[in-house]
Protein backbone atom coordinates (compact mmCIF):
# COMPACT_ATOMS: atom_id res chain seq x y z
CA ALA A 1 -7.06 4.38 -9.43
CA GLY A 2 -4.73 1.36 -9.26
CA GLY A 3 -3.18 2.23 -5.91
CA LEU A 4 -6.54 2.94 -4.32
CA PHE A 5 -7.97 -0.30 -5.72
CA THR A 6 -4.95 -2.23 -4.45
CA SER A 7 -5.54 -0.70 -1.02
CA TYR A 8 -9.17 -1.85 -1.25
CA LEU A 9 -8.05 -5.38 -2.15
CA THR A 10 -5.61 -5.33 0.77
CA MET A 11 -8.48 -4.68 3.15
CA TYR A 12 -11.20 -6.83 1.59
CA ARG A 13 -9.33 -9.75 -0.03
CA SER A 14 -6.39 -10.42 2.30
CA GLU A 15 -7.43 -14.07 2.59
CA VAL A 16 -6.33 -14.69 -1.02
CA LEU A 17 -3.25 -12.44 -1.10
CA ALA A 18 0.28 -13.30 0.01
CA ALA A 19 1.34 -9.62 0.08
CA SER A 20 0.27 -6.21 -1.18
CA ALA A 21 2.17 -3.27 -2.67
CA PRO A 22 -0.03 -0.27 -3.51
CA PHE A 23 1.62 2.62 -5.34
CA SER A 24 0.03 5.93 -4.27
CA GLY A 25 -2.92 4.28 -2.58
CA GLY A 26 -4.15 4.59 0.96
CA VAL A 27 -7.43 5.24 2.73
CA THR A 28 -9.40 7.91 4.50
CA ASP A 29 -10.35 7.30 8.12
CA PRO A 30 -13.96 6.18 7.73
CA ASP A 31 -13.05 3.88 4.81
CA TYR A 32 -10.50 1.68 6.61
CA VAL A 33 -11.41 -1.96 7.22
CA ALA A 34 -8.96 -4.25 9.02
CA PRO A 35 -7.72 -7.04 6.71
CA ALA A 36 -9.00 -10.46 7.78
CA ARG A 37 -5.49 -11.93 8.14
CA ASP A 38 -1.95 -10.68 8.63
CA LEU A 39 -0.46 -9.43 5.39
CA PRO A 40 2.91 -7.85 4.58
CA VAL A 41 2.34 -4.52 2.81
CA MET A 42 4.82 -2.29 0.96
CA LEU A 43 3.49 1.25 0.58
CA SER A 44 5.14 3.43 -2.06
CA TRP A 45 4.12 7.03 -2.69
CA GLY A 46 5.51 10.40 -3.74
CA GLY A 47 5.83 11.90 -0.28
CA SER A 48 4.21 15.20 0.62
CA TRP A 49 4.08 16.13 -3.09
CA ASP A 50 1.79 13.18 -3.94
CA ARG A 51 -1.51 14.85 -4.76
CA PHE A 52 -3.69 14.23 -7.77
CA GLY A 53 -7.23 15.29 -8.67
CA GLY A 54 -7.61 17.00 -5.31
CA PHE A 55 -6.75 13.81 -3.39
CA ASP A 56 -3.90 13.84 -0.85
CA PHE A 57 -2.15 10.49 -1.39
CA ASP A 58 0.50 11.40 1.20
CA ALA A 59 -2.06 11.69 4.00
CA ALA A 60 -4.01 8.64 2.77
CA THR A 61 -0.89 6.45 2.62
CA VAL A 62 0.44 7.52 6.02
CA LEU A 63 -3.00 6.89 7.57
CA PHE A 64 -3.21 3.47 5.88
CA ALA A 65 0.26 2.57 7.22
CA ASP A 66 -0.66 3.65 10.75
CA MET A 67 -3.92 1.71 10.74
CA LEU A 68 -2.33 -1.43 9.30
CA ARG A 69 0.45 -1.31 11.89
CA ASP A 70 -2.08 -0.76 14.68
CA ASP A 71 -3.75 -3.98 13.51
CA GLY A 72 -0.42 -5.88 13.63
CA HIS A 73 0.51 -6.00 9.94
CA ASP A 74 4.12 -5.71 8.75
CA VAL A 75 4.37 -2.50 6.73
CA ALA A 76 7.34 -1.26 4.69
CA LEU A 77 7.30 2.44 3.81
CA CYS A 78 8.87 3.52 0.52
CA PRO A 79 8.31 7.27 0.07
CA HIS A 80 10.01 9.11 -2.77
CA ARG A 81 9.87 12.73 -3.87
CA LEU A 82 8.40 12.40 -7.34
CA GLY A 83 4.84 13.35 -6.45
CA HIS A 84 2.24 11.24 -8.23
CA PHE A 85 4.81 9.62 -10.51
CA LEU A 86 6.71 6.37 -10.00
CA PRO A 87 10.48 5.98 -9.79
CA ASP A 88 11.95 4.02 -12.69
CA ASP A 89 12.75 1.03 -10.46
CA ALA A 90 9.35 0.85 -8.71
CA GLY A 91 8.22 -2.27 -10.55
CA ALA A 92 11.49 -4.07 -9.87
CA GLN A 93 11.27 -3.21 -6.16
CA ALA A 94 7.71 -4.56 -6.00
CA LEU A 95 8.78 -7.80 -7.65
CA VAL A 96 11.54 -8.30 -5.07
CA PHE A 97 9.01 -7.63 -2.30
CA PHE A 98 6.60 -10.19 -3.76
CA GLU A 99 9.39 -12.75 -4.22
CA ASP A 100 10.29 -12.31 -0.53
CA HIS A 101 6.64 -12.68 0.56
CA ARG A 102 5.24 -15.47 -1.61
CA GLY A 103 3.14 -17.06 1.08
CA GLU A 104 1.57 -20.48 0.74
CA PRO A 105 0.14 -21.58 -2.61
CA ARG A 106 -3.66 -21.56 -2.74
């Protein structure tokens, strides 16, 4: 549940994060909580094929993106077509994103 936990941290711990990059995360409508401060977020998921254990990660990620944007957060969307699997370069892409969004040291 790494992507879902990262989504949770995005909402509940934004004050200590410089950026967030959940892989196959997201939220359902009643679970969304607006992050306390603006946070750049890169959402990566397997497109409409991203389902696992009966959970629709495609719908959850798209909803999370919409709600974050409605609250004024910068959101980068990175869908792929591998379902609930990561592309080989996913980690490298996340590192570049984090390098570009270091924020202030705490």
